[in-house]
C-alpha atoms as a PDB file:
ATOM      1  CA  MET A   1      33.328   1.688   4.099  1.00  0.00           C
ATOM      2  CA  THR A   2      30.657  -0.903   4.745  1.00  0.00           C
ATOM      3  CA  LYS A   3      31.376  -4.613   4.669  1.00  0.00           C
ATOM      4  CA  TYR A   4      27.792  -5.457   3.652  1.00  0.00           C
ATOM      5  CA  GLU A   5      27.458  -8.358   1.250  1.00  0.00           C
ATOM      6  CA  SER A   6      24.230  -9.304  -0.476  1.00  0.00           C
ATOM      7  CA  ASN A   7      23.058 -12.894  -0.303  1.00  0.00           C
ATOM      8  CA  GLN A   8      22.355 -14.207  -3.798  1.00  0.00           C
ATOM      9  CA  ASP A   9      20.031 -16.917  -2.376  1.00  0.00           C
ATOM     10  CA  VAL A  10      17.519 -14.357  -1.102  1.00  0.00           C
ATOM     11  CA  GLU A  11      14.645 -13.329  -3.377  1.00  0.00           C
ATOM     12  CA  PRO A  12      14.135  -9.567  -3.774  1.00  0.00           C
ATOM     13  CA  LEU A  13      11.165  -8.276  -1.824  1.00  0.00           C
ATOM     14  CA  HIS A  14       8.520  -6.084  -3.419  1.00  0.00           C
ATOM     15  CA  VAL A  15       6.376  -4.226  -0.902  1.00  0.00           C
ATOM     16  CA  THR A  16       2.948  -3.034  -1.990  1.00  0.00           C
ATOM     17  CA  THR A  17       1.410  -0.738   0.561  1.00  0.00           C
ATOM     18  CA  TYR A  18      -2.279  -0.779   1.285  1.00  0.00           C
ATOM     19  CA  ARG A  19      -2.350   2.893   0.297  1.00  0.00           C
ATOM     20  CA  SER A  20      -0.988   2.130  -3.172  1.00  0.00           C
ATOM     21  CA  ALA A  21      -3.499  -0.737  -3.530  1.00  0.00           C
ATOM     22  CA  ARG A  22      -6.359   1.630  -2.655  1.00  0.00           C
ATOM     23  CA  LYS A  23      -5.035   4.183  -5.145  1.00  0.00           C
ATOM     24  CA  ALA A  24      -4.829   1.542  -7.887  1.00  0.00           C
ATOM     25  CA  ALA A  25      -8.355   0.312  -7.156  1.00  0.00           C
ATOM     26  CA  ARG A  26      -9.711   3.852  -7.157  1.00  0.00           C
ATOM     27  CA  ARG A  27      -8.109   4.548 -10.543  1.00  0.00           C
ATOM     28  CA  GLY A  28      -9.111   1.203 -12.032  1.00  0.00           C
ATOM     29  CA  TRP A  29      -5.543  -0.062 -12.400  1.00  0.00           C
ATOM     30  CA  ALA A  30      -4.632  -3.734 -12.308  1.00  0.00           C
ATOM     31  CA  VAL A  31      -3.795  -4.899  -8.787  1.00  0.00           C
ATOM     32  CA  PRO A  32      -1.631  -7.980  -8.067  1.00  0.00           C
ATOM     33  CA  ALA A  33      -3.686 -10.987  -6.914  1.00  0.00           C
ATOM     34  CA  ASP A  34      -1.977 -11.263  -3.512  1.00  0.00           C
ATOM     35  CA  VAL A  35      -2.926  -7.695  -2.513  1.00  0.00           C
ATOM     36  CA  PRO A  36      -6.160  -7.398  -0.513  1.00  0.00           C
ATOM     37  CA  VAL A  37      -8.885  -5.587  -2.419  1.00  0.00           C
ATOM     38  CA  PRO A  38      -9.993  -2.445  -0.587  1.00  0.00           C
ATOM     39  CA  SER A  39     -13.669  -1.912   0.088  1.00  0.00           C
ATOM     40  CA  LEU A  40     -15.560   1.190  -0.999  1.00  0.00           C
ATOM     41  CA  GLU A  41     -15.425   2.367   2.604  1.00  0.00           C
ATOM     42  CA  ASP A  42     -11.624   2.208   2.468  1.00  0.00           C
ATOM     43  CA  VAL A  43     -11.462   4.057  -0.832  1.00  0.00           C
ATOM     44  CA  TRP A  44     -13.815   6.873   0.107  1.00  0.00           C
ATOM     45  CA  ARG A  45     -14.828   7.794   3.626  1.00  0.00           C
ATOM     46  CA  SER A  46     -17.112  10.792   3.346  1.00  0.00           C
ATOM     47  CA  ASP A  47     -17.696  11.002   7.092  1.00  0.00           C
ATOM     48  CA  ARG A  48     -14.029  11.781   7.807  1.00  0.00           C
ATOM     49  CA  THR A  49     -12.254  15.067   7.283  1.00  0.00           C
ATOM     50  CA  PRO A  50      -8.518  15.533   6.577  1.00  0.00           C
ATOM     51  CA  ALA A  51      -8.105  16.601  10.222  1.00  0.00           C
ATOM     52  CA  ASP A  52      -9.613  13.278  11.366  1.00  0.00           C
ATOM     53  CA  ARG A  53      -7.163  11.387   9.175  1.00  0.00           C
ATOM     54  CA  ALA A  54      -4.211  13.403  10.515  1.00  0.00           C
ATOM     55  CA  ARG A  55      -5.205  12.624  14.113  1.00  0.00           C
ATOM     56  CA  GLN A  56      -5.267   8.914  13.319  1.00  0.00           C
ATOM     57  CA  ARG A  57      -1.598   8.891  12.204  1.00  0.00           C
END
């Protein structure tokens, strides 16, 4: 059994990925103010194919 104890003084962390921010912007959803706003180039890159994106990962 683990002996892990949570620290009550630590604020919970909410991680918003850039991918989810792009998705929200593309769909017109509200995005939290501290999340960078993606550009149109980030949202839609017509010059790249799915194979190009896979190679980048």
